[in-house]
């Protein structure tokens, strides 16, 4: 018997295929099937935000959904791929929100971003989120798969198995990529000042 809180992967995949073919109504039938997963991902992402964040999980899901529905020409590869794309949409919503709230304050304070435990309840200030976003963009220029691993795990809460499925690699590769990406991001955000 399947878990009532987790959508049938087959139903989601069928609807994504219908959506890709442009079938009217497929997007509307998809939302109820994935809403709880999207809300859980939004709660994980917002749990790392500072207290008093003005976005609520429902707001984040709805704003990310608007971004997703605008990109209906995506070649969906299944449920895990959909959740990965949703992770990116949530990242974009959070970064846009942080930019609006802290325009002009960037670089004013020291930044401390911890990726040691993805999904940990460590709060991230908007300035830190902006720094992480910029560092992820730079990482993506060097190695896009490493950027994707961080994005899917940190922002979307995908499991190593789901990330491996989306990227077409092994779970062990995802683990190695996660370690490499964290090390690179740490060095990028906190460069060694050298002798001095």
Protein backbone atom coordinates (compact mmCIF):
# COMPACT_ATOMS: atom_id res chain seq x y z
CA UNK A 1 0.00 0.00 0.00
CA UNK A 2 1.40 3.40 -0.90
CA UNK A 3 1.85 6.36 1.43
CA UNK A 4 -1.10 8.76 0.98
CA UNK A 5 1.23 11.76 1.46
CA UNK A 6 3.45 10.82 -1.47
CA UNK A 7 2.03 11.07 -4.98
CA UNK A 8 2.02 8.11 -7.32
CA UNK A 9 5.17 8.57 -9.40
CA UNK A 10 3.40 7.10 -12.41
CA UNK A 11 0.57 9.63 -12.25
CA UNK A 12 3.02 12.51 -11.95
CA UNK A 13 5.07 11.22 -14.89
CA UNK A 14 1.96 10.80 -17.06
CA UNK A 15 0.82 14.34 -16.28
CA UNK A 16 4.29 15.72 -16.99
CA UNK A 17 4.26 13.95 -20.36
CA UNK A 18 0.80 15.38 -21.10
CA UNK A 19 2.01 18.81 -20.03
CA UNK A 20 4.97 18.50 -22.38
CA UNK A 21 2.60 17.66 -25.24
CA UNK A 22 0.62 20.82 -24.41
CA UNK A 23 -2.48 19.07 -23.13
CA UNK A 24 -4.89 21.58 -21.61
CA UNK A 25 -5.51 21.06 -17.92
CA UNK A 26 -2.47 18.85 -17.24
CA UNK A 27 -0.80 21.56 -15.18
CA UNK A 28 -3.92 22.05 -13.06
CA UNK A 29 -4.16 18.30 -12.36
CA UNK A 30 -0.45 18.14 -11.49
CA UNK A 31 -0.47 20.69 -8.65
CA UNK A 32 -2.62 18.67 -6.21
CA UNK A 33 -0.37 15.63 -6.74
CA UNK A 34 2.90 17.44 -5.96
CA UNK A 35 1.71 20.19 -3.64
CA UNK A 36 2.68 18.47 -0.37
CA UNK A 37 6.18 17.68 -1.66
CA UNK A 38 6.62 21.26 -2.85
CA UNK A 39 5.38 22.59 0.48
CA UNK A 40 7.79 20.32 2.38
CA UNK A 41 10.67 21.58 0.21
CA UNK A 42 9.55 25.17 0.84
CA UNK A 43 9.43 24.56 4.59
CA UNK A 44 12.99 23.14 4.51
CA UNK A 45 14.23 26.11 2.49
CA UNK A 46 12.54 28.65 4.75
CA UNK A 47 13.70 26.89 7.92
CA UNK A 48 17.20 28.16 7.08
CA UNK A 49 16.01 31.76 6.77
CA UNK A 50 16.28 34.23 9.63
CA UNK A 51 13.35 34.58 12.02
CA UNK A 52 10.78 37.05 10.79
CA UNK A 53 11.13 36.10 7.13
CA UNK A 54 8.13 37.52 5.34
CA UNK A 55 7.62 34.58 2.97
CA UNK A 56 5.58 31.64 4.21
CA UNK A 57 5.90 28.12 2.73
CA UNK A 58 2.61 28.52 0.87
CA UNK A 59 3.82 31.82 -0.64
CA UNK A 60 7.08 30.22 -1.73
CA UNK A 61 5.26 27.27 -3.32
CA UNK A 62 2.87 29.57 -5.17
CA UNK A 63 5.60 31.88 -6.45
CA UNK A 64 7.72 28.91 -7.52
CA UNK A 65 4.64 27.35 -9.17
CA UNK A 66 4.13 30.54 -11.19
CA UNK A 67 7.73 30.26 -12.41
CA UNK A 68 7.24 26.57 -13.22
CA UNK A 69 3.98 27.12 -15.06
CA UNK A 70 5.61 29.83 -17.16
CA UNK A 71 8.20 27.27 -18.30
CA UNK A 72 5.82 24.61 -19.58
CA UNK A 73 8.17 23.88 -22.51
CA UNK A 74 10.54 21.93 -20.25
CA UNK A 75 11.26 18.38 -21.39
CA UNK A 76 10.18 16.69 -18.18
CA UNK A 77 11.99 13.48 -17.30
CA UNK A 78 9.79 12.43 -14.39
CA UNK A 79 8.96 13.31 -10.81
CA UNK A 80 12.54 13.72 -9.58
CA UNK A 81 13.35 16.02 -12.50
CA UNK A 82 10.23 18.06 -11.76
CA UNK A 83 11.29 18.43 -8.10
CA UNK A 84 14.79 19.43 -9.22
CA UNK A 85 13.39 22.17 -11.46
CA UNK A 86 11.11 23.24 -8.60
CA UNK A 87 14.22 23.51 -6.38
CA UNK A 88 15.74 25.95 -8.84
CA UNK A 89 12.50 27.95 -8.97
CA UNK A 90 12.43 28.18 -5.17
CA UNK A 91 16.05 29.32 -5.13
CA UNK A 92 15.18 32.06 -7.63
CA UNK A 93 12.17 33.18 -5.56
CA UNK A 94 14.22 33.31 -2.34
CA UNK A 95 17.07 35.18 -4.00
CA UNK A 96 14.71 37.67 -5.64
CA UNK A 97 13.03 38.22 -2.27
CA UNK A 98 16.39 38.74 -0.54
CA UNK A 99 17.48 41.22 -3.21
CA UNK A 100 14.32 43.26 -2.80
CA UNK A 101 14.60 43.35 0.99
CA UNK A 102 18.27 44.17 1.18
CA UNK A 103 19.02 46.31 -1.83
CA UNK A 104 22.11 48.34 -1.12
CA UNK A 105 23.20 46.35 1.93
CA UNK A 106 25.20 43.71 0.08
CA UNK A 107 28.71 43.32 1.38
CA UNK A 108 28.08 45.36 4.50
CA UNK A 109 28.67 42.50 6.90
CA UNK A 110 30.79 39.38 7.02
CA UNK A 111 29.05 36.40 5.51
CA UNK A 112 28.85 32.96 7.08
CA UNK A 113 27.14 30.31 4.97
CA UNK A 114 27.21 26.74 6.21
CA UNK A 115 26.60 23.90 3.81
CA UNK A 116 27.94 21.27 6.16
CA UNK A 117 24.48 19.91 6.85
CA UNK A 118 22.01 20.49 4.04
CA UNK A 119 18.60 21.07 5.44
CA UNK A 120 20.00 21.98 8.84
CA UNK A 121 18.06 24.58 10.74
CA UNK A 122 20.93 27.07 10.64
CA UNK A 123 19.49 30.45 9.75
CA UNK A 124 20.78 32.22 6.66
CA UNK A 125 20.57 35.99 6.45
CA UNK A 126 19.41 37.46 3.15
CA UNK A 127 22.94 38.80 2.54
CA UNK A 128 24.30 35.28 3.01
CA UNK A 129 21.73 33.88 0.60
CA UNK A 130 22.80 36.45 -2.00
CA UNK A 131 26.46 35.53 -1.48
CA UNK A 132 25.65 31.83 -1.79
CA UNK A 133 23.63 32.51 -4.94
CA UNK A 134 26.52 34.41 -6.54
CA UNK A 135 28.97 31.67 -5.54
CA UNK A 136 26.65 29.00 -6.98
CA UNK A 137 26.53 30.90 -10.26
CA UNK A 138 30.34 30.96 -10.35
CA UNK A 139 30.45 27.26 -9.49
CA UNK A 140 28.00 26.56 -12.32
CA UNK A 141 30.39 28.25 -14.75
CA UNK A 142 33.13 25.84 -13.66
CA UNK A 143 31.07 22.67 -13.17
CA UNK A 144 27.32 22.82 -13.69
CA UNK A 145 26.70 19.40 -12.17
CA UNK A 146 28.26 20.48 -8.87
CA UNK A 147 25.97 23.53 -8.85
CA UNK A 148 22.97 21.33 -9.53
CA UNK A 149 23.85 18.96 -6.68
CA UNK A 150 24.00 21.86 -4.21
CA UNK A 151 20.86 23.46 -5.57
CA UNK A 152 18.82 20.24 -5.52
CA UNK A 153 20.01 19.19 -2.08
CA UNK A 154 20.22 22.55 -0.29
CA UNK A 155 17.21 24.34 -1.79
CA UNK A 156 14.99 21.44 -2.80
CA UNK A 157 15.82 18.88 -0.17
CA UNK A 158 16.15 16.11 -2.74
CA UNK A 159 17.73 12.89 -1.54
CA UNK A 160 20.99 11.61 -2.97
CA UNK A 161 18.98 8.94 -4.81
CA UNK A 162 16.68 11.55 -6.39
CA UNK A 163 19.61 13.73 -7.38
CA UNK A 164 21.39 10.73 -8.90
CA UNK A 165 18.25 9.89 -10.87
CA UNK A 166 17.89 13.43 -12.22
CA UNK A 167 21.56 13.74 -13.15
CA UNK A 168 21.96 10.19 -14.47
CA UNK A 169 24.85 9.36 -12.12
CA UNK A 170 25.35 7.07 -9.13
CA UNK A 171 24.56 8.02 -5.56
CA UNK A 172 28.27 7.73 -4.79
CA UNK A 173 28.99 10.30 -7.50
CA UNK A 174 26.43 12.63 -5.91
CA UNK A 175 28.16 12.19 -2.54
CA UNK A 176 31.55 13.03 -4.05
CA UNK A 177 30.10 16.00 -5.95
CA UNK A 178 28.47 17.30 -2.75
CA UNK A 179 31.82 17.14 -0.91
CA UNK A 180 33.67 18.84 -3.80
CA UNK A 181 31.03 21.54 -4.16
CA UNK A 182 31.02 22.32 -0.44
CA UNK A 183 34.81 22.59 -0.40
CA UNK A 184 34.84 24.85 -3.46
CA UNK A 185 32.06 27.08 -2.11
CA UNK A 186 33.79 27.39 1.25
CA UNK A 187 37.00 28.50 -0.43
CA UNK A 188 35.08 30.87 -2.72
CA UNK A 189 33.11 32.50 0.09
CA UNK A 190 35.94 32.48 2.64
CA UNK A 191 39.16 32.82 0.62
CA UNK A 192 42.41 32.20 2.45
CA UNK A 193 43.87 35.68 3.06
CA UNK A 194 47.38 34.23 2.73
CA UNK A 195 50.40 35.40 4.68
CA UNK A 196 50.10 38.83 5.98
